[in-house]
Amino acid sequence: MPRLIFLQGGEDVKKRANRSMFEEVVKLSRATSILVIPWTGDDREKESDYKAIFDEYFHDVGFREITFLQRNDKDTEIETKFSRADVLYLPGGDPEILKREIERRSLQKRIKEFDGIIVGNSAGAIVLSRRGCGSKDCYDGFGIVDISVAVHATTQSIEEAKGVDGAIIGIPEGTWIVIRPS
């Protein structure tokens, strides 16, 4: 199976707006094992609440194993978690915090070389892209996908996107695009 990257324009995971997308991802995955990088905010209590939401959501759509990177994981634990997963999920939240935490642990290369399915929701889509715009600002991503995106996109937000050279792909709330990198 070719490597696939799903970029979501934004999803209210409490409402499971993109459930059908995740059901497709489960069908495509080999081991139905998903690894979540949950660091999209600095509020640990909110992070814990969302872990419970993700755990229930992902079990309900058919994943057998849901694993979370922890802020205090050692390199060996991170390596084991990456090697056991065939789907990687980067959630929505603050793209600056998500990028900072990934860089702090030098995970960019692991993400880039991950040979399974990668799903980036909102902040996750921005971080995976070359450059991404949210509802207010634009951010540099890791360029794992060599495009620029606008998440939660509207015609007006794409028109107003500043600091993006070249084309920008708008991904509205509740929708996604699928990319098969070369």
N, C-alpha and C. Protein backbone atom coordinates (compact mmCIF):
# COMPACT_ATOMS: atom_id res chain seq x y z
N MET A 1 0.84 -1.18 0.00
CA MET A 1 0.00 0.00 0.00
C MET A 1 0.89 1.25 0.00
N PRO A 2 0.58 2.23 -0.84
CA PRO A 2 1.37 3.46 -0.82
C PRO A 2 1.10 4.25 0.46
N ARG A 3 2.09 5.00 0.88
CA ARG A 3 1.95 5.84 2.05
C ARG A 3 0.90 6.92 1.75
N LEU A 4 0.02 7.20 2.71
CA LEU A 4 -1.01 8.21 2.55
C LEU A 4 -0.96 9.20 3.70
N ILE A 5 -1.25 10.45 3.38
CA ILE A 5 -1.33 11.48 4.41
C ILE A 5 -2.69 12.17 4.27
N PHE A 6 -3.45 12.15 5.36
CA PHE A 6 -4.75 12.80 5.41
C PHE A 6 -4.59 14.12 6.15
N LEU A 7 -5.04 15.21 5.53
CA LEU A 7 -5.01 16.52 6.17
C LEU A 7 -6.45 16.96 6.37
N GLN A 8 -6.80 17.20 7.63
CA GLN A 8 -8.16 17.61 7.97
C GLN A 8 -8.20 19.13 8.14
N GLY A 9 -9.27 19.74 7.66
CA GLY A 9 -9.44 21.18 7.83
C GLY A 9 -9.83 21.56 9.24
N GLY A 10 -10.22 20.60 10.00
CA GLY A 10 -10.64 20.80 11.38
C GLY A 10 -11.79 19.85 11.68
N GLU A 11 -11.79 19.31 12.87
CA GLU A 11 -12.86 18.40 13.27
C GLU A 11 -13.14 18.58 14.74
N ASP A 12 -14.40 18.68 15.08
CA ASP A 12 -14.80 18.64 16.47
C ASP A 12 -14.84 17.16 16.85
N VAL A 13 -13.76 16.68 17.47
CA VAL A 13 -13.67 15.25 17.75
C VAL A 13 -14.73 14.79 18.75
N LYS A 14 -15.25 15.71 19.54
CA LYS A 14 -16.34 15.32 20.45
C LYS A 14 -17.58 14.93 19.66
N LYS A 15 -17.78 15.59 18.51
CA LYS A 15 -18.94 15.30 17.66
C LYS A 15 -18.65 14.24 16.59
N ARG A 16 -17.37 13.88 16.45
CA ARG A 16 -16.95 12.85 15.50
C ARG A 16 -17.38 13.17 14.07
N ALA A 17 -17.15 14.40 13.68
CA ALA A 17 -17.58 14.89 12.38
C ALA A 17 -16.91 14.16 11.21
N ASN A 18 -15.73 13.62 11.41
CA ASN A 18 -15.01 12.92 10.34
C ASN A 18 -14.92 11.42 10.60
N ARG A 19 -15.91 10.89 11.25
CA ARG A 19 -15.93 9.46 11.58
C ARG A 19 -15.72 8.59 10.35
N SER A 20 -16.38 8.93 9.25
CA SER A 20 -16.26 8.10 8.04
C SER A 20 -14.83 8.09 7.52
N MET A 21 -14.10 9.20 7.67
CA MET A 21 -12.71 9.23 7.26
C MET A 21 -11.89 8.24 8.09
N PHE A 22 -12.09 8.26 9.41
CA PHE A 22 -11.34 7.35 10.27
C PHE A 22 -11.72 5.89 10.01
N GLU A 23 -12.97 5.63 9.68
CA GLU A 23 -13.35 4.26 9.32
C GLU A 23 -12.60 3.80 8.07
N GLU A 24 -12.41 4.70 7.11
CA GLU A 24 -11.62 4.38 5.92
C GLU A 24 -10.15 4.14 6.28
N VAL A 25 -9.62 4.96 7.18
CA VAL A 25 -8.24 4.80 7.61
C VAL A 25 -8.05 3.44 8.27
N VAL A 26 -9.00 3.04 9.10
CA VAL A 26 -8.93 1.72 9.75
C VAL A 26 -8.89 0.61 8.68
N LYS A 27 -9.72 0.72 7.65
CA LYS A 27 -9.74 -0.29 6.58
C LYS A 27 -8.39 -0.37 5.87
N LEU A 28 -7.71 0.76 5.75
CA LEU A 28 -6.43 0.80 5.05
C LEU A 28 -5.26 0.35 5.92
N SER A 29 -5.42 0.43 7.23
CA SER A 29 -4.30 0.11 8.12
C SER A 29 -4.10 -1.40 8.23
N ARG A 30 -2.86 -1.77 8.50
CA ARG A 30 -2.51 -3.19 8.59
C ARG A 30 -2.84 -3.75 9.98
N ALA A 31 -2.40 -3.04 11.00
CA ALA A 31 -2.51 -3.55 12.37
C ALA A 31 -3.58 -2.84 13.19
N THR A 32 -4.27 -1.91 12.59
CA THR A 32 -5.26 -1.07 13.29
C THR A 32 -4.71 -0.53 14.61
N SER A 33 -3.50 0.02 14.52
CA SER A 33 -2.83 0.58 15.68
C SER A 33 -2.50 2.05 15.39
N ILE A 34 -3.00 2.94 16.24
CA ILE A 34 -2.80 4.36 16.03
C ILE A 34 -1.97 4.96 17.16
N LEU A 35 -1.03 5.80 16.80
CA LEU A 35 -0.19 6.53 17.75
C LEU A 35 -0.58 8.00 17.68
N VAL A 36 -0.90 8.58 18.83
CA VAL A 36 -1.33 9.97 18.91
C VAL A 36 -0.23 10.81 19.55
N ILE A 37 0.09 11.94 18.91
CA ILE A 37 0.99 12.92 19.51
C ILE A 37 0.10 14.05 20.03
N PRO A 38 -0.25 14.04 21.32
CA PRO A 38 -1.32 14.89 21.83
C PRO A 38 -0.91 16.30 22.29
N TRP A 39 0.28 16.74 21.96
CA TRP A 39 0.82 17.96 22.56
C TRP A 39 0.44 19.22 21.79
N THR A 40 -0.82 19.60 21.81
CA THR A 40 -1.25 20.80 21.08
C THR A 40 -1.66 21.94 22.00
N GLY A 41 -1.33 21.82 23.27
CA GLY A 41 -1.62 22.87 24.24
C GLY A 41 -0.76 22.67 25.47
N ASP A 42 -0.76 23.68 26.31
CA ASP A 42 0.03 23.60 27.54
C ASP A 42 -0.81 23.23 28.76
N ASP A 43 -2.11 23.05 28.57
CA ASP A 43 -3.02 22.70 29.66
C ASP A 43 -3.06 21.17 29.79
N ARG A 44 -2.38 20.64 30.80
CA ARG A 44 -2.27 19.17 30.96
C ARG A 44 -3.62 18.52 31.26
N GLU A 45 -4.49 19.23 31.98
CA GLU A 45 -5.80 18.66 32.30
C GLU A 45 -6.64 18.52 31.02
N LYS A 46 -6.60 19.54 30.17
CA LYS A 46 -7.33 19.48 28.89
C LYS A 46 -6.74 18.37 28.01
N GLU A 47 -5.42 18.24 28.02
CA GLU A 47 -4.76 17.17 27.25
C GLU A 47 -5.26 15.81 27.72
N SER A 48 -5.36 15.63 29.02
CA SER A 48 -5.85 14.38 29.57
C SER A 48 -7.30 14.12 29.17
N ASP A 49 -8.13 15.16 29.21
CA ASP A 49 -9.52 15.03 28.79
C ASP A 49 -9.61 14.59 27.33
N TYR A 50 -8.79 15.20 26.48
CA TYR A 50 -8.82 14.85 25.06
C TYR A 50 -8.27 13.46 24.80
N LYS A 51 -7.33 13.01 25.60
CA LYS A 51 -6.85 11.63 25.44
C LYS A 51 -8.01 10.65 25.62
N ALA A 52 -8.85 10.90 26.60
CA ALA A 52 -10.02 10.03 26.83
C ALA A 52 -10.98 10.09 25.65
N ILE A 53 -11.19 11.28 25.09
CA ILE A 53 -12.07 11.45 23.94
C ILE A 53 -11.50 10.70 22.73
N PHE A 54 -10.19 10.88 22.47
CA PHE A 54 -9.55 10.18 21.36
C PHE A 54 -9.61 8.67 21.54
N ASP A 55 -9.34 8.21 22.76
CA ASP A 55 -9.34 6.78 23.04
C ASP A 55 -10.70 6.16 22.70
N GLU A 56 -11.77 6.78 23.17
CA GLU A 56 -13.11 6.26 22.90
C GLU A 56 -13.46 6.35 21.41
N TYR A 57 -13.18 7.48 20.80
CA TYR A 57 -13.46 7.70 19.38
C TYR A 57 -12.74 6.66 18.53
N PHE A 58 -11.45 6.52 18.73
CA PHE A 58 -10.67 5.62 17.89
C PHE A 58 -11.02 4.15 18.12
N HIS A 59 -11.37 3.77 19.35
CA HIS A 59 -11.86 2.40 19.58
C HIS A 59 -13.17 2.19 18.82
N ASP A 60 -14.07 3.17 18.89
CA ASP A 60 -15.37 3.05 18.25
C ASP A 60 -15.28 2.90 16.73
N VAL A 61 -14.28 3.52 16.10
CA VAL A 61 -14.16 3.40 14.64
C VAL A 61 -13.41 2.15 14.22
N GLY A 62 -12.82 1.42 15.18
CA GLY A 62 -12.22 0.13 14.85
C GLY A 62 -10.74 -0.04 15.12
N PHE A 63 -10.07 0.96 15.68
CA PHE A 63 -8.67 0.75 16.03
C PHE A 63 -8.60 -0.20 17.21
N ARG A 64 -7.68 -1.14 17.16
CA ARG A 64 -7.52 -2.10 18.25
C ARG A 64 -6.57 -1.59 19.32
N GLU A 65 -5.58 -0.82 18.88
CA GLU A 65 -4.59 -0.31 19.83
C GLU A 65 -4.46 1.20 19.64
N ILE A 66 -4.68 1.94 20.71
CA ILE A 66 -4.53 3.40 20.72
C ILE A 66 -3.44 3.72 21.72
N THR A 67 -2.37 4.35 21.23
CA THR A 67 -1.22 4.66 22.07
C THR A 67 -0.96 6.16 21.99
N PHE A 68 -0.52 6.73 23.09
CA PHE A 68 -0.21 8.16 23.16
C PHE A 68 1.25 8.34 23.50
N LEU A 69 1.91 9.25 22.78
CA LEU A 69 3.23 9.66 23.24
C LEU A 69 3.02 10.46 24.52
N GLN A 70 3.87 10.22 25.48
CA GLN A 70 3.82 10.96 26.74
C GLN A 70 4.95 11.98 26.76
N ARG A 71 4.75 13.06 27.45
CA ARG A 71 5.77 14.11 27.50
C ARG A 71 7.08 13.62 28.11
N ASN A 72 7.01 12.60 28.96
CA ASN A 72 8.22 12.10 29.62
C ASN A 72 8.73 10.78 29.02
N ASP A 73 8.24 10.38 27.85
CA ASP A 73 8.73 9.16 27.21
C ASP A 73 10.22 9.28 26.89
N LYS A 74 10.95 8.23 27.16
CA LYS A 74 12.36 8.14 26.79
C LYS A 74 12.44 7.78 25.30
N ASP A 75 13.62 7.98 24.72
CA ASP A 75 13.82 7.69 23.29
C ASP A 75 13.45 6.26 22.94
N THR A 76 13.78 5.32 23.82
CA THR A 76 13.47 3.91 23.53
C THR A 76 11.95 3.67 23.52
N GLU A 77 11.24 4.33 24.44
CA GLU A 77 9.78 4.20 24.46
C GLU A 77 9.16 4.80 23.21
N ILE A 78 9.67 5.95 22.79
CA ILE A 78 9.17 6.59 21.57
C ILE A 78 9.41 5.70 20.37
N GLU A 79 10.60 5.14 20.27
CA GLU A 79 10.94 4.24 19.16
C GLU A 79 9.99 3.05 19.12
N THR A 80 9.73 2.45 20.28
CA THR A 80 8.83 1.30 20.35
C THR A 80 7.42 1.69 19.92
N LYS A 81 6.94 2.83 20.40
CA LYS A 81 5.58 3.26 20.04
C LYS A 81 5.46 3.53 18.54
N PHE A 82 6.45 4.18 17.95
CA PHE A 82 6.42 4.42 16.51
C PHE A 82 6.45 3.11 15.73
N SER A 83 7.27 2.18 16.16
CA SER A 83 7.43 0.92 15.41
C SER A 83 6.18 0.05 15.47
N ARG A 84 5.37 0.18 16.51
CA ARG A 84 4.18 -0.66 16.66
C ARG A 84 2.95 -0.08 15.96
N ALA A 85 2.99 1.21 15.61
CA ALA A 85 1.83 1.87 15.01
C ALA A 85 1.87 1.82 13.49
N ASP A 86 0.70 1.73 12.89
CA ASP A 86 0.64 1.88 11.44
C ASP A 86 -0.15 3.12 11.03
N VAL A 87 -0.67 3.85 12.02
CA VAL A 87 -1.31 5.15 11.78
C VAL A 87 -0.76 6.11 12.82
N LEU A 88 -0.45 7.33 12.38
CA LEU A 88 0.05 8.39 13.24
C LEU A 88 -0.94 9.54 13.18
N TYR A 89 -1.35 10.06 14.34
CA TYR A 89 -2.34 11.14 14.40
C TYR A 89 -1.78 12.35 15.12
N LEU A 90 -1.84 13.51 14.45
CA LEU A 90 -1.47 14.80 15.03
C LEU A 90 -2.74 15.63 15.12
N PRO A 91 -3.24 15.91 16.33
CA PRO A 91 -4.54 16.55 16.50
C PRO A 91 -4.51 18.07 16.29
N GLY A 92 -5.70 18.64 16.41
CA GLY A 92 -5.85 20.08 16.34
C GLY A 92 -5.49 20.72 17.67
N GLY A 93 -5.34 22.01 17.64
CA GLY A 93 -4.95 22.79 18.82
C GLY A 93 -4.05 23.92 18.38
N ASP A 94 -3.02 24.17 19.12
CA ASP A 94 -2.09 25.26 18.82
C ASP A 94 -0.92 24.73 18.00
N PRO A 95 -0.79 25.16 16.73
CA PRO A 95 0.29 24.63 15.89
C PRO A 95 1.69 25.00 16.40
N GLU A 96 1.83 26.15 17.04
CA GLU A 96 3.14 26.53 17.56
C GLU A 96 3.58 25.58 18.68
N ILE A 97 2.66 25.22 19.55
CA ILE A 97 2.99 24.31 20.65
C ILE A 97 3.29 22.92 20.11
N LEU A 98 2.47 22.44 19.19
CA LEU A 98 2.70 21.11 18.61
C LEU A 98 4.07 21.05 17.94
N LYS A 99 4.40 22.05 17.15
CA LYS A 99 5.70 22.07 16.48
C LYS A 99 6.84 22.15 17.49
N ARG A 100 6.68 23.00 18.49
CA ARG A 100 7.71 23.14 19.53
C ARG A 100 7.97 21.82 20.24
N GLU A 101 6.92 21.12 20.62
CA GLU A 101 7.07 19.87 21.35
C GLU A 101 7.67 18.76 20.48
N ILE A 102 7.31 18.75 19.20
CA ILE A 102 7.91 17.77 18.28
C ILE A 102 9.39 18.07 18.11
N GLU A 103 9.73 19.35 17.94
CA GLU A 103 11.14 19.73 17.80
C GLU A 103 11.93 19.44 19.07
N ARG A 104 11.32 19.68 20.22
CA ARG A 104 11.98 19.44 21.51
C ARG A 104 12.45 18.00 21.63
N ARG A 105 11.70 17.09 21.04
CA ARG A 105 12.03 15.66 21.10
C ARG A 105 12.66 15.15 19.80
N SER A 106 12.94 16.06 18.88
CA SER A 106 13.56 15.73 17.58
C SER A 106 12.79 14.62 16.85
N LEU A 107 11.47 14.78 16.76
CA LEU A 107 10.63 13.76 16.14
C LEU A 107 10.35 14.02 14.67
N GLN A 108 10.83 15.14 14.11
CA GLN A 108 10.52 15.48 12.73
C GLN A 108 10.94 14.36 11.77
N LYS A 109 12.13 13.83 11.95
CA LYS A 109 12.64 12.79 11.06
C LYS A 109 11.79 11.51 11.19
N ARG A 110 11.44 11.15 12.42
CA ARG A 110 10.60 9.95 12.62
C ARG A 110 9.26 10.11 11.91
N ILE A 111 8.68 11.31 12.02
CA ILE A 111 7.39 11.55 11.36
C ILE A 111 7.57 11.49 9.85
N LYS A 112 8.61 12.14 9.35
CA LYS A 112 8.85 12.16 7.89
C LYS A 112 9.08 10.76 7.35
N GLU A 113 9.73 9.90 8.11
CA GLU A 113 10.06 8.55 7.65
C GLU A 113 8.99 7.51 8.01
N PHE A 114 7.96 7.93 8.74
CA PHE A 114 6.89 7.00 9.13
C PHE A 114 6.27 6.42 7.86
N ASP A 115 6.22 5.10 7.76
CA ASP A 115 5.76 4.49 6.51
C ASP A 115 4.30 4.06 6.53
N GLY A 116 3.57 4.46 7.55
CA GLY A 116 2.15 4.16 7.60
C GLY A 116 1.33 5.35 7.16
N ILE A 117 0.12 5.40 7.63
CA ILE A 117 -0.81 6.48 7.32
C ILE A 117 -0.62 7.57 8.37
N ILE A 118 -0.58 8.82 7.91
CA ILE A 118 -0.47 9.96 8.82
C ILE A 118 -1.73 10.80 8.67
N VAL A 119 -2.31 11.19 9.80
CA VAL A 119 -3.48 12.06 9.80
C VAL A 119 -3.13 13.30 10.61
N GLY A 120 -3.31 14.47 10.00
CA GLY A 120 -3.11 15.73 10.70
C GLY A 120 -4.40 16.52 10.69
N ASN A 121 -4.90 16.84 11.87
CA ASN A 121 -6.14 17.60 12.01
C ASN A 121 -5.81 19.04 12.37
N SER A 122 -6.17 19.99 11.55
CA SER A 122 -5.99 21.42 11.82
C SER A 122 -4.54 21.76 12.16
N ALA A 123 -4.20 21.92 13.43
CA ALA A 123 -2.80 22.20 13.80
C ALA A 123 -1.88 21.10 13.29
N GLY A 124 -2.34 19.86 13.33
CA GLY A 124 -1.55 18.75 12.81
C GLY A 124 -1.32 18.87 11.31
N ALA A 125 -2.33 19.33 10.57
CA ALA A 125 -2.19 19.54 9.12
C ALA A 125 -1.20 20.67 8.84
N ILE A 126 -1.26 21.72 9.64
CA ILE A 126 -0.33 22.85 9.48
C ILE A 126 1.10 22.38 9.70
N VAL A 127 1.33 21.63 10.76
CA VAL A 127 2.68 21.18 11.11
C VAL A 127 3.23 20.23 10.04
N LEU A 128 2.38 19.42 9.44
CA LEU A 128 2.83 18.49 8.40
C LEU A 128 3.14 19.20 7.08
N SER A 129 2.54 20.35 6.85
CA SER A 129 2.69 21.08 5.60
C SER A 129 3.91 21.99 5.61
N ARG A 130 4.23 22.51 4.42
CA ARG A 130 5.33 23.47 4.32
C ARG A 130 4.98 24.75 5.09
N ARG A 131 3.76 25.23 4.90
CA ARG A 131 3.27 26.42 5.61
C ARG A 131 1.77 26.26 5.74
N GLY A 132 1.23 26.72 6.86
CA GLY A 132 -0.20 26.59 7.06
C GLY A 132 -0.78 27.79 7.76
N CYS A 133 -2.03 28.07 7.42
CA CYS A 133 -2.74 29.19 8.02
C CYS A 133 -3.95 28.67 8.78
N GLY A 134 -4.12 29.21 9.97
CA GLY A 134 -5.29 28.90 10.77
C GLY A 134 -6.28 30.03 10.61
N SER A 135 -7.11 30.22 11.60
CA SER A 135 -8.13 31.25 11.49
C SER A 135 -7.55 32.66 11.59
N LYS A 136 -6.35 32.81 12.17
CA LYS A 136 -5.79 34.16 12.34
C LYS A 136 -4.39 34.31 11.74
N ASP A 137 -3.54 33.34 11.95
CA ASP A 137 -2.13 33.48 11.59
C ASP A 137 -1.66 32.34 10.71
N CYS A 138 -0.47 32.56 10.12
CA CYS A 138 0.19 31.52 9.33
C CYS A 138 1.45 31.08 10.05
N TYR A 139 1.81 29.81 9.85
CA TYR A 139 2.92 29.20 10.57
C TYR A 139 3.75 28.37 9.60
N ASP A 140 5.03 28.25 9.89
CA ASP A 140 5.87 27.32 9.15
C ASP A 140 5.67 25.93 9.72
N GLY A 141 5.55 24.96 8.82
CA GLY A 141 5.46 23.56 9.23
C GLY A 141 6.78 22.87 8.93
N PHE A 142 6.75 21.56 8.97
CA PHE A 142 7.96 20.77 8.71
C PHE A 142 8.13 20.44 7.22
N GLY A 143 7.13 20.69 6.40
CA GLY A 143 7.24 20.41 4.98
C GLY A 143 7.23 18.93 4.64
N ILE A 144 6.66 18.11 5.51
CA ILE A 144 6.55 16.68 5.24
C ILE A 144 5.66 16.48 4.01
N VAL A 145 4.67 17.35 3.87
CA VAL A 145 3.87 17.46 2.66
C VAL A 145 4.24 18.82 2.05
N ASP A 146 4.70 18.81 0.81
CA ASP A 146 5.23 20.03 0.20
C ASP A 146 4.13 20.90 -0.40
N ILE A 147 3.20 21.31 0.46
CA ILE A 147 2.13 22.22 0.07
C ILE A 147 1.89 23.18 1.22
N SER A 148 1.17 24.25 0.91
CA SER A 148 0.69 25.16 1.95
C SER A 148 -0.81 24.97 2.07
N VAL A 149 -1.31 25.01 3.30
CA VAL A 149 -2.73 24.78 3.54
C VAL A 149 -3.33 25.90 4.38
N ALA A 150 -4.63 26.06 4.21
CA ALA A 150 -5.42 26.90 5.12
C ALA A 150 -6.46 25.98 5.73
N VAL A 151 -6.44 25.84 7.05
CA VAL A 151 -7.40 24.97 7.73
C VAL A 151 -8.57 25.82 8.20
N HIS A 152 -9.70 25.18 8.46
CA HIS A 152 -10.94 25.89 8.80
C HIS A 152 -11.22 26.93 7.70
N ALA A 153 -10.92 26.55 6.47
CA ALA A 153 -10.87 27.50 5.36
C ALA A 153 -12.25 27.97 4.91
N THR A 154 -12.27 29.23 4.57
CA THR A 154 -13.38 29.85 3.85
C THR A 154 -12.75 30.61 2.70
N THR A 155 -13.56 31.02 1.75
CA THR A 155 -13.03 31.80 0.64
C THR A 155 -12.32 33.04 1.16
N GLN A 156 -12.92 33.70 2.13
CA GLN A 156 -12.34 34.92 2.69
C GLN A 156 -11.01 34.64 3.39
N SER A 157 -10.94 33.56 4.17
CA SER A 157 -9.70 33.28 4.89
C SER A 157 -8.55 32.93 3.94
N ILE A 158 -8.87 32.29 2.84
CA ILE A 158 -7.82 31.98 1.86
C ILE A 158 -7.36 33.26 1.17
N GLU A 159 -8.30 34.10 0.85
CA GLU A 159 -7.98 35.38 0.21
C GLU A 159 -7.10 36.24 1.11
N GLU A 160 -7.33 36.16 2.41
CA GLU A 160 -6.61 36.99 3.37
C GLU A 160 -5.33 36.35 3.89
N ALA A 161 -5.04 35.10 3.52
CA ALA A 161 -3.85 34.41 4.01
C ALA A 161 -2.60 35.18 3.62
N LYS A 162 -1.84 35.57 4.60
CA LYS A 162 -0.64 36.36 4.36
C LYS A 162 0.60 35.51 4.65
N GLY A 163 1.67 35.81 3.96
CA GLY A 163 2.92 35.12 4.24
C GLY A 163 3.04 33.76 3.59
N VAL A 164 2.23 33.51 2.57
CA VAL A 164 2.32 32.23 1.87
C VAL A 164 2.70 32.51 0.43
N ASP A 165 3.85 32.01 0.01
CA ASP A 165 4.27 32.12 -1.38
C ASP A 165 3.66 30.97 -2.16
N GLY A 166 3.16 31.25 -3.33
CA GLY A 166 2.62 30.20 -4.17
C GLY A 166 1.21 29.83 -3.79
N ALA A 167 0.81 28.69 -4.28
CA ALA A 167 -0.56 28.23 -4.10
C ALA A 167 -0.81 27.81 -2.65
N ILE A 168 -2.06 27.96 -2.24
CA ILE A 168 -2.49 27.51 -0.92
C ILE A 168 -3.76 26.69 -1.11
N ILE A 169 -3.81 25.55 -0.46
CA ILE A 169 -4.98 24.68 -0.55
C ILE A 169 -5.85 24.91 0.68
N GLY A 170 -7.08 25.29 0.45
CA GLY A 170 -8.03 25.51 1.54
C GLY A 170 -8.76 24.22 1.88
N ILE A 171 -8.77 23.89 3.17
CA ILE A 171 -9.48 22.70 3.64
C ILE A 171 -10.52 23.16 4.65
N PRO A 172 -11.78 23.20 4.26
CA PRO A 172 -12.82 23.67 5.17
C PRO A 172 -13.00 22.76 6.38
N GLU A 173 -13.58 23.31 7.42
CA GLU A 173 -13.94 22.57 8.63
C GLU A 173 -14.77 21.35 8.25
N GLY A 174 -14.46 20.21 8.86
CA GLY A 174 -15.23 18.99 8.65
C GLY A 174 -14.89 18.25 7.36
N THR A 175 -13.84 18.69 6.66
CA THR A 175 -13.44 18.01 5.43
C THR A 175 -11.98 17.62 5.52
N TRP A 176 -11.52 16.86 4.53
CA TRP A 176 -10.13 16.44 4.52
C TRP A 176 -9.70 16.24 3.08
N ILE A 177 -8.39 16.20 2.91
CA ILE A 177 -7.81 15.82 1.62
C ILE A 177 -6.85 14.67 1.89
N VAL A 178 -6.60 13.88 0.87
CA VAL A 178 -5.69 12.75 0.99
C VAL A 178 -4.57 12.96 -0.02
N ILE A 179 -3.34 12.79 0.44
CA ILE A 179 -2.18 12.99 -0.40
C ILE A 179 -1.37 11.69 -0.41
N ARG A 180 -0.93 11.31 -1.59
CA ARG A 180 0.00 10.19 -1.71
C ARG A 180 1.33 10.78 -2.16
N PRO A 181 2.25 10.97 -1.21
CA PRO A 181 3.54 11.57 -1.56
C PRO A 181 4.31 10.67 -2.53
N SER A 182 5.16 11.31 -3.31
CA SER A 182 5.96 10.54 -4.27
C SER A 182 7.10 9.83 -3.58
